[in-house]
Amino acid sequence: MESKLVFVVDDDEIFHFIVKKLFAQNDHYQNNLTITSFFSAEDALEQIHPDQPLPAVIIVDINMQPMNGWEFIAAYRKLLPLLPQPIPIVMCSSSMDERDIQQVQVTPELCAYITKPLDKNKLKEIEKYL
């Protein structure tokens, strides 16, 4: 089975730990999943390049500094023409702000919006893209 790559873009170290722990609990991903952590959206964007291995899915938070999740998606949109195919993006945030939820609905790059805390059931939404 081909190894899959997941980018986690979040400034919260505990969230990265939880994502890795949840995937590690699933035997299916033991040896064929690489989770790459980015604590800033800018660092993740630098790795999204057609000459680099591309992730199967990107998990991104909304509330980060200096570039937030919406700004990340806007910058990613500019990279899309260079990529062989679009990368599914799952927004995972603690935000219950109605404006964010409305923004999700009109953002075609987003394939899902998951509220924190992440758990096994919510992880299934991400697993659809692996």
N, C-alpha and C. Protein backbone atom coordinates (compact mmCIF):
# COMPACT_ATOMS: atom_id res chain seq x y z
N MET A 1 0.85 -1.19 0.00
CA MET A 1 0.00 0.00 0.00
C MET A 1 0.89 1.25 0.00
N GLU A 2 0.51 2.19 -0.81
CA GLU A 2 1.27 3.43 -0.94
C GLU A 2 1.16 4.28 0.33
N SER A 3 2.29 4.85 0.71
CA SER A 3 2.30 5.72 1.89
C SER A 3 1.62 7.05 1.57
N LYS A 4 0.82 7.53 2.50
CA LYS A 4 0.11 8.80 2.32
C LYS A 4 0.74 9.86 3.22
N LEU A 5 0.61 11.09 2.80
CA LEU A 5 1.16 12.22 3.52
C LEU A 5 0.00 13.11 3.96
N VAL A 6 0.04 13.53 5.23
CA VAL A 6 -0.95 14.45 5.79
C VAL A 6 -0.21 15.66 6.33
N PHE A 7 -0.66 16.85 5.94
CA PHE A 7 -0.12 18.09 6.51
C PHE A 7 -1.09 18.57 7.59
N VAL A 8 -0.55 18.85 8.76
CA VAL A 8 -1.33 19.44 9.84
C VAL A 8 -0.79 20.85 10.06
N VAL A 9 -1.64 21.84 9.84
CA VAL A 9 -1.23 23.25 9.94
C VAL A 9 -2.00 23.87 11.09
N ASP A 10 -1.32 24.02 12.23
CA ASP A 10 -1.97 24.52 13.44
C ASP A 10 -0.87 25.01 14.37
N ASP A 11 -1.11 26.12 15.05
CA ASP A 11 -0.09 26.65 15.96
C ASP A 11 -0.17 26.04 17.35
N ASP A 12 -1.05 25.07 17.53
CA ASP A 12 -1.24 24.42 18.82
C ASP A 12 -0.54 23.06 18.84
N GLU A 13 0.51 22.96 19.64
CA GLU A 13 1.29 21.74 19.72
C GLU A 13 0.45 20.54 20.18
N ILE A 14 -0.48 20.78 21.09
CA ILE A 14 -1.32 19.70 21.62
C ILE A 14 -2.20 19.13 20.49
N PHE A 15 -2.69 19.97 19.61
CA PHE A 15 -3.51 19.48 18.50
C PHE A 15 -2.70 18.53 17.62
N HIS A 16 -1.44 18.88 17.33
CA HIS A 16 -0.58 18.00 16.54
C HIS A 16 -0.44 16.64 17.22
N PHE A 17 -0.23 16.66 18.52
CA PHE A 17 -0.09 15.44 19.30
C PHE A 17 -1.36 14.58 19.18
N ILE A 18 -2.53 15.22 19.32
CA ILE A 18 -3.81 14.50 19.26
C ILE A 18 -4.01 13.86 17.89
N VAL A 19 -3.73 14.59 16.83
CA VAL A 19 -3.88 14.05 15.47
C VAL A 19 -3.00 12.81 15.31
N LYS A 20 -1.74 12.92 15.70
CA LYS A 20 -0.81 11.79 15.56
C LYS A 20 -1.27 10.60 16.40
N LYS A 21 -1.73 10.87 17.60
CA LYS A 21 -2.18 9.82 18.50
C LYS A 21 -3.41 9.10 17.92
N LEU A 22 -4.38 9.85 17.42
CA LEU A 22 -5.58 9.25 16.85
C LEU A 22 -5.26 8.38 15.63
N PHE A 23 -4.41 8.86 14.75
CA PHE A 23 -4.04 8.05 13.59
C PHE A 23 -3.23 6.82 14.02
N ALA A 24 -2.38 6.96 15.02
CA ALA A 24 -1.56 5.84 15.50
C ALA A 24 -2.41 4.73 16.09
N GLN A 25 -3.58 5.06 16.61
CA GLN A 25 -4.47 4.06 17.20
C GLN A 25 -5.14 3.19 16.14
N ASN A 26 -5.03 3.60 14.89
CA ASN A 26 -5.65 2.85 13.81
C ASN A 26 -4.56 2.03 13.10
N ASP A 27 -4.63 0.71 13.23
CA ASP A 27 -3.62 -0.18 12.64
C ASP A 27 -3.44 0.04 11.14
N HIS A 28 -4.50 0.44 10.49
CA HIS A 28 -4.48 0.66 9.04
C HIS A 28 -3.39 1.67 8.63
N TYR A 29 -3.09 2.61 9.52
CA TYR A 29 -2.15 3.68 9.17
C TYR A 29 -0.75 3.49 9.76
N GLN A 30 -0.52 2.39 10.45
CA GLN A 30 0.74 2.20 11.17
C GLN A 30 1.98 2.52 10.33
N ASN A 31 2.08 1.92 9.16
CA ASN A 31 3.31 2.07 8.37
C ASN A 31 3.12 2.81 7.06
N ASN A 32 1.92 3.30 6.81
CA ASN A 32 1.72 3.93 5.51
C ASN A 32 1.12 5.33 5.60
N LEU A 33 1.43 6.01 6.70
CA LEU A 33 0.95 7.38 6.85
C LEU A 33 2.05 8.23 7.49
N THR A 34 2.35 9.34 6.84
CA THR A 34 3.31 10.29 7.39
C THR A 34 2.57 11.58 7.69
N ILE A 35 2.64 12.00 8.95
CA ILE A 35 2.00 13.26 9.35
C ILE A 35 3.09 14.30 9.53
N THR A 36 2.99 15.37 8.76
CA THR A 36 3.96 16.45 8.85
C THR A 36 3.30 17.64 9.53
N SER A 37 3.92 18.08 10.61
CA SER A 37 3.39 19.19 11.41
C SER A 37 3.98 20.52 10.96
N PHE A 38 3.11 21.50 10.81
CA PHE A 38 3.53 22.87 10.54
C PHE A 38 2.87 23.76 11.57
N PHE A 39 3.68 24.57 12.25
CA PHE A 39 3.14 25.47 13.27
C PHE A 39 2.81 26.83 12.69
N SER A 40 3.10 27.03 11.40
CA SER A 40 2.69 28.26 10.73
C SER A 40 2.23 27.92 9.32
N ALA A 41 1.25 28.67 8.85
CA ALA A 41 0.71 28.45 7.51
C ALA A 41 1.77 28.72 6.45
N GLU A 42 2.62 29.70 6.71
CA GLU A 42 3.67 30.05 5.74
C GLU A 42 4.59 28.86 5.49
N ASP A 43 4.99 28.16 6.57
CA ASP A 43 5.88 27.00 6.42
C ASP A 43 5.22 25.90 5.59
N ALA A 44 3.94 25.68 5.82
CA ALA A 44 3.22 24.65 5.05
C ALA A 44 3.16 25.03 3.57
N LEU A 45 2.87 26.29 3.29
CA LEU A 45 2.77 26.74 1.90
C LEU A 45 4.07 26.53 1.14
N GLU A 46 5.19 26.70 1.83
CA GLU A 46 6.50 26.51 1.19
C GLU A 46 6.68 25.06 0.73
N GLN A 47 6.00 24.14 1.37
CA GLN A 47 6.15 22.71 1.03
C GLN A 47 5.14 22.23 -0.01
N ILE A 48 4.20 23.09 -0.37
CA ILE A 48 3.21 22.70 -1.39
C ILE A 48 3.75 23.16 -2.74
N HIS A 49 4.39 22.22 -3.40
CA HIS A 49 5.09 22.53 -4.64
C HIS A 49 5.05 21.28 -5.52
N PRO A 50 4.85 21.44 -6.82
CA PRO A 50 4.74 20.25 -7.68
C PRO A 50 5.98 19.37 -7.68
N ASP A 51 7.13 19.91 -7.29
CA ASP A 51 8.35 19.10 -7.24
C ASP A 51 8.51 18.35 -5.92
N GLN A 52 7.61 18.60 -4.98
CA GLN A 52 7.66 17.95 -3.66
C GLN A 52 6.54 16.91 -3.57
N PRO A 53 6.71 15.90 -2.70
CA PRO A 53 5.57 15.00 -2.46
C PRO A 53 4.41 15.81 -1.88
N LEU A 54 3.24 15.67 -2.48
CA LEU A 54 2.07 16.43 -2.04
C LEU A 54 1.24 15.62 -1.05
N PRO A 55 0.64 16.30 -0.09
CA PRO A 55 -0.19 15.58 0.88
C PRO A 55 -1.49 15.08 0.27
N ALA A 56 -2.02 14.01 0.83
CA ALA A 56 -3.33 13.50 0.43
C ALA A 56 -4.42 14.42 0.97
N VAL A 57 -4.13 15.05 2.10
CA VAL A 57 -5.08 15.97 2.73
C VAL A 57 -4.31 16.96 3.59
N ILE A 58 -4.87 18.15 3.74
CA ILE A 58 -4.31 19.18 4.62
C ILE A 58 -5.35 19.47 5.69
N ILE A 59 -4.93 19.42 6.94
CA ILE A 59 -5.80 19.80 8.06
C ILE A 59 -5.30 21.17 8.53
N VAL A 60 -6.18 22.16 8.52
CA VAL A 60 -5.75 23.53 8.85
C VAL A 60 -6.69 24.16 9.88
N ASP A 61 -6.10 24.93 10.77
CA ASP A 61 -6.86 25.67 11.78
C ASP A 61 -7.20 27.05 11.20
N ILE A 62 -8.22 27.70 11.77
CA ILE A 62 -8.55 29.06 11.34
C ILE A 62 -7.68 30.07 12.06
N ASN A 63 -7.64 29.97 13.39
CA ASN A 63 -7.02 31.01 14.22
C ASN A 63 -5.55 30.75 14.46
N MET A 64 -4.73 31.34 13.59
CA MET A 64 -3.27 31.25 13.72
C MET A 64 -2.69 32.62 13.41
N GLN A 65 -1.47 32.82 13.84
CA GLN A 65 -0.75 34.06 13.54
C GLN A 65 0.58 33.70 12.90
N PRO A 66 1.14 34.49 12.03
CA PRO A 66 0.58 35.72 11.49
C PRO A 66 -0.42 35.47 10.36
N MET A 67 -0.40 34.29 9.73
CA MET A 67 -1.33 33.97 8.65
C MET A 67 -2.39 33.01 9.18
N ASN A 68 -3.67 33.40 9.06
CA ASN A 68 -4.72 32.52 9.56
C ASN A 68 -5.14 31.51 8.49
N GLY A 69 -6.10 30.65 8.83
CA GLY A 69 -6.53 29.60 7.91
C GLY A 69 -7.13 30.12 6.62
N TRP A 70 -7.88 31.22 6.72
CA TRP A 70 -8.48 31.80 5.50
C TRP A 70 -7.40 32.35 4.58
N GLU A 71 -6.41 33.00 5.17
CA GLU A 71 -5.30 33.55 4.36
C GLU A 71 -4.48 32.40 3.74
N PHE A 72 -4.34 31.30 4.49
CA PHE A 72 -3.66 30.11 3.96
C PHE A 72 -4.39 29.61 2.70
N ILE A 73 -5.72 29.52 2.78
CA ILE A 73 -6.49 29.03 1.64
C ILE A 73 -6.36 29.98 0.45
N ALA A 74 -6.37 31.27 0.70
CA ALA A 74 -6.20 32.26 -0.39
C ALA A 74 -4.84 32.09 -1.06
N ALA A 75 -3.79 31.86 -0.27
CA ALA A 75 -2.45 31.66 -0.83
C ALA A 75 -2.37 30.31 -1.56
N TYR A 76 -3.00 29.28 -1.00
CA TYR A 76 -3.04 27.96 -1.63
C TYR A 76 -3.73 28.05 -3.00
N ARG A 77 -4.79 28.83 -3.08
CA ARG A 77 -5.55 29.01 -4.32
C ARG A 77 -4.64 29.47 -5.45
N LYS A 78 -3.66 30.31 -5.12
CA LYS A 78 -2.72 30.81 -6.14
C LYS A 78 -1.76 29.70 -6.61
N LEU A 79 -1.53 28.69 -5.75
CA LEU A 79 -0.65 27.59 -6.12
C LEU A 79 -1.36 26.52 -6.96
N LEU A 80 -2.68 26.48 -6.86
CA LEU A 80 -3.47 25.42 -7.52
C LEU A 80 -3.11 25.18 -9.00
N PRO A 81 -2.93 26.22 -9.80
CA PRO A 81 -2.62 25.97 -11.22
C PRO A 81 -1.31 25.20 -11.43
N LEU A 82 -0.42 25.23 -10.46
CA LEU A 82 0.87 24.54 -10.58
C LEU A 82 0.80 23.07 -10.17
N LEU A 83 -0.27 22.69 -9.47
CA LEU A 83 -0.35 21.35 -8.90
C LEU A 83 -1.02 20.37 -9.86
N PRO A 84 -0.60 19.09 -9.80
CA PRO A 84 -1.21 18.10 -10.68
C PRO A 84 -2.70 17.85 -10.37
N GLN A 85 -3.10 18.03 -9.12
CA GLN A 85 -4.51 17.93 -8.73
C GLN A 85 -4.70 18.72 -7.44
N PRO A 86 -5.95 19.13 -7.18
CA PRO A 86 -6.23 19.85 -5.93
C PRO A 86 -6.01 18.93 -4.72
N ILE A 87 -5.62 19.53 -3.62
CA ILE A 87 -5.44 18.80 -2.37
C ILE A 87 -6.66 19.08 -1.49
N PRO A 88 -7.34 18.04 -1.01
CA PRO A 88 -8.48 18.28 -0.12
C PRO A 88 -8.01 18.99 1.16
N ILE A 89 -8.76 19.98 1.58
CA ILE A 89 -8.44 20.72 2.81
C ILE A 89 -9.58 20.54 3.79
N VAL A 90 -9.23 20.12 5.00
CA VAL A 90 -10.19 19.99 6.09
C VAL A 90 -9.86 21.07 7.11
N MET A 91 -10.81 21.93 7.38
CA MET A 91 -10.60 22.95 8.40
C MET A 91 -11.05 22.37 9.73
N CYS A 92 -10.17 22.44 10.70
CA CYS A 92 -10.46 21.90 12.03
C CYS A 92 -10.20 23.03 13.02
N SER A 93 -11.27 23.53 13.63
CA SER A 93 -11.14 24.72 14.45
C SER A 93 -12.10 24.68 15.63
N SER A 94 -11.77 25.42 16.64
CA SER A 94 -12.68 25.56 17.78
C SER A 94 -13.68 26.69 17.54
N SER A 95 -13.52 27.39 16.41
CA SER A 95 -14.40 28.53 16.12
C SER A 95 -15.83 28.08 15.87
N MET A 96 -16.76 28.71 16.58
CA MET A 96 -18.18 28.49 16.34
C MET A 96 -18.79 29.78 15.76
N ASP A 97 -17.91 30.69 15.33
CA ASP A 97 -18.33 31.97 14.79
C ASP A 97 -19.15 31.74 13.52
N GLU A 98 -20.33 32.30 13.49
CA GLU A 98 -21.25 32.12 12.35
C GLU A 98 -20.60 32.59 11.04
N ARG A 99 -19.78 33.63 11.10
CA ARG A 99 -19.11 34.12 9.88
C ARG A 99 -18.16 33.07 9.33
N ASP A 100 -17.45 32.36 10.22
CA ASP A 100 -16.55 31.30 9.76
C ASP A 100 -17.34 30.17 9.12
N ILE A 101 -18.44 29.79 9.73
CA ILE A 101 -19.26 28.70 9.21
C ILE A 101 -19.84 29.07 7.84
N GLN A 102 -20.25 30.32 7.69
CA GLN A 102 -20.75 30.77 6.39
C GLN A 102 -19.63 30.80 5.35
N GLN A 103 -18.44 31.21 5.79
CA GLN A 103 -17.28 31.26 4.88
C GLN A 103 -16.93 29.86 4.39
N VAL A 104 -17.02 28.87 5.26
CA VAL A 104 -16.74 27.47 4.88
C VAL A 104 -17.64 27.07 3.71
N GLN A 105 -18.90 27.44 3.79
CA GLN A 105 -19.87 27.02 2.77
C GLN A 105 -19.60 27.61 1.40
N VAL A 106 -18.87 28.71 1.34
CA VAL A 106 -18.58 29.33 0.04
C VAL A 106 -17.11 29.22 -0.35
N THR A 107 -16.40 28.31 0.29
CA THR A 107 -14.98 28.10 -0.01
C THR A 107 -14.81 26.73 -0.67
N PRO A 108 -14.70 26.71 -2.00
CA PRO A 108 -14.68 25.42 -2.71
C PRO A 108 -13.47 24.54 -2.36
N GLU A 109 -12.38 25.14 -1.91
CA GLU A 109 -11.19 24.35 -1.58
C GLU A 109 -11.39 23.49 -0.33
N LEU A 110 -12.36 23.88 0.50
CA LEU A 110 -12.61 23.12 1.74
C LEU A 110 -13.54 21.95 1.46
N CYS A 111 -13.14 20.78 1.92
CA CYS A 111 -14.01 19.62 1.73
C CYS A 111 -14.74 19.27 3.02
N ALA A 112 -14.30 19.85 4.16
CA ALA A 112 -14.98 19.58 5.43
C ALA A 112 -14.59 20.63 6.46
N TYR A 113 -15.50 20.81 7.42
CA TYR A 113 -15.23 21.68 8.58
C TYR A 113 -15.52 20.84 9.82
N ILE A 114 -14.51 20.68 10.64
CA ILE A 114 -14.63 19.86 11.85
C ILE A 114 -14.32 20.74 13.04
N THR A 115 -15.15 20.62 14.08
CA THR A 115 -14.89 21.40 15.29
C THR A 115 -13.99 20.61 16.24
N LYS A 116 -13.14 21.36 16.91
CA LYS A 116 -12.29 20.76 17.95
C LYS A 116 -13.14 20.58 19.20
N PRO A 117 -12.82 19.63 20.05
CA PRO A 117 -11.66 18.74 19.97
C PRO A 117 -11.88 17.61 18.97
N LEU A 118 -10.79 17.19 18.36
CA LEU A 118 -10.81 16.09 17.42
C LEU A 118 -10.95 14.78 18.19
N ASP A 119 -11.76 13.87 17.66
CA ASP A 119 -11.90 12.55 18.27
C ASP A 119 -11.98 11.50 17.15
N LYS A 120 -12.13 10.23 17.53
CA LYS A 120 -12.14 9.14 16.53
C LYS A 120 -13.24 9.31 15.50
N ASN A 121 -14.42 9.73 15.93
CA ASN A 121 -15.53 9.91 14.99
C ASN A 121 -15.26 11.04 14.00
N LYS A 122 -14.73 12.15 14.50
CA LYS A 122 -14.42 13.28 13.61
C LYS A 122 -13.26 12.94 12.67
N LEU A 123 -12.36 12.08 13.14
CA LEU A 123 -11.23 11.67 12.32
C LEU A 123 -11.71 10.93 11.07
N LYS A 124 -12.84 10.24 11.18
CA LYS A 124 -13.38 9.51 10.02
C LYS A 124 -13.66 10.46 8.86
N GLU A 125 -14.03 11.69 9.16
CA GLU A 125 -14.27 12.69 8.11
C GLU A 125 -12.98 12.97 7.34
N ILE A 126 -11.85 12.97 8.03
CA ILE A 126 -10.54 13.20 7.41
C ILE A 126 -10.10 11.96 6.64
N GLU A 127 -10.38 10.79 7.20
CA GLU A 127 -9.95 9.53 6.59
C GLU A 127 -10.56 9.30 5.21
N LYS A 128 -11.67 9.94 4.92
CA LYS A 128 -12.29 9.80 3.59
C LYS A 128 -11.34 10.19 2.48
N TYR A 129 -10.38 11.04 2.78
CA TYR A 129 -9.50 11.60 1.76
C TYR A 129 -8.15 10.88 1.70
N LEU A 130 -8.01 9.82 2.48
CA LEU A 130 -6.75 9.07 2.49
C LEU A 130 -6.84 7.80 1.67
